Amino acid sequence: MVISKSKIFPLFQLLYYFATSLWPLVHIKSFLIITGDKTDIWLVKTVSILLLPYCLLLFYFILNPKRNTIIALA
């Protein structure tokens, strides 16, 4: 599969958001060591879960051969 130039940035964005959204869900201790102490752990996990649908949207955008302006603007 060849990725076009217009989809390289969304690919890196997908990898970054996917890694940062799963990290607090998988290992909260290492996340807190790197990012600092948080008072509301539930908020960290909520934001992580809310980033996952955006990752799916980017994944769809990268694999879809048609250019969809609605998805590109999201």
Protein backbone atom coordinates (compact mmCIF):
# COMPACT_ATOMS: atom_id res chain seq x y z
CA MET A 1 0.00 0.00 0.00
CA VAL A 2 1.40 3.37 -1.03
CA ILE A 3 0.44 6.44 0.99
CA SER A 4 0.10 9.69 -0.91
CA LYS A 5 1.86 12.86 0.20
CA SER A 6 -1.41 14.40 1.37
CA LYS A 7 -1.92 11.55 3.85
CA ILE A 8 1.51 11.50 5.50
CA PHE A 9 0.63 14.17 8.06
CA PRO A 10 -2.64 12.46 9.07
CA LEU A 11 -0.69 9.22 9.44
CA PHE A 12 1.78 10.77 11.89
CA GLN A 13 -1.10 12.47 13.69
CA LEU A 14 -2.88 9.11 13.94
CA LEU A 15 0.18 7.41 15.40
CA TYR A 16 0.74 10.20 17.93
CA TYR A 17 -2.89 10.44 19.09
CA PHE A 18 -3.29 6.66 19.22
CA ALA A 19 -0.18 6.23 21.36
CA THR A 20 -1.05 9.10 23.69
CA SER A 21 -4.66 8.01 24.06
CA LEU A 22 -3.80 4.40 24.92
CA TRP A 23 -0.89 5.16 27.23
CA PRO A 24 -2.92 6.35 30.27
CA LEU A 25 -5.36 3.49 29.81
CA VAL A 26 -2.64 0.85 29.67
CA HIS A 27 -0.17 2.10 32.29
CA ILE A 28 -1.22 5.12 34.33
CA LYS A 29 1.85 5.05 36.61
CA SER A 30 4.36 5.66 33.81
CA PHE A 31 2.07 8.32 32.33
CA LEU A 32 2.00 10.17 35.64
CA ILE A 33 5.78 9.88 36.06
CA ILE A 34 6.41 11.48 32.66
CA THR A 35 3.64 14.10 32.65
CA GLY A 36 3.53 14.91 36.36
CA ASP A 37 1.00 14.27 39.09
CA LYS A 38 -2.66 14.83 38.32
CA THR A 39 -5.46 15.34 40.81
CA ASP A 40 -8.21 13.97 38.58
CA ILE A 41 -7.24 10.60 37.11
CA TRP A 42 -10.78 10.12 35.83
CA LEU A 43 -10.34 13.20 33.63
CA VAL A 44 -7.12 11.82 32.11
CA LYS A 45 -8.86 8.55 31.27
CA THR A 46 -11.94 10.34 29.91
CA VAL A 47 -9.87 12.47 27.52
CA SER A 48 -7.99 9.35 26.45
CA ILE A 49 -11.22 7.58 25.61
CA LEU A 50 -12.53 10.64 23.78
CA LEU A 51 -9.44 10.70 21.54
CA LEU A 52 -10.01 7.15 20.27
CA PRO A 53 -12.90 7.99 17.87
CA TYR A 54 -10.73 10.74 16.38
CA CYS A 55 -8.06 8.10 15.78
CA LEU A 56 -10.62 5.94 13.99
CA LEU A 57 -11.61 8.91 11.84
CA LEU A 58 -7.98 9.52 10.87
CA PHE A 59 -7.54 5.82 10.12
CA TYR A 60 -10.59 5.92 7.83
CA PHE A 61 -9.29 9.08 6.15
CA ILE A 62 -5.90 7.48 5.43
CA LEU A 63 -7.36 4.28 3.97
CA ASN A 64 -10.19 5.87 1.99
CA PRO A 65 -9.07 6.64 -1.60
CA LYS A 66 -11.72 9.34 -2.05
CA ARG A 67 -11.01 12.80 -0.67
CA ASN A 68 -13.74 13.82 1.72
CA THR A 69 -13.65 17.51 2.70
CA ILE A 70 -15.84 17.00 5.77
CA ILE A 71 -13.39 14.51 7.22
CA ALA A 72 -10.43 16.63 6.17
CA LEU A 73 -11.84 19.60 8.10
CA ALA A 74 -12.37 17.51 11.26
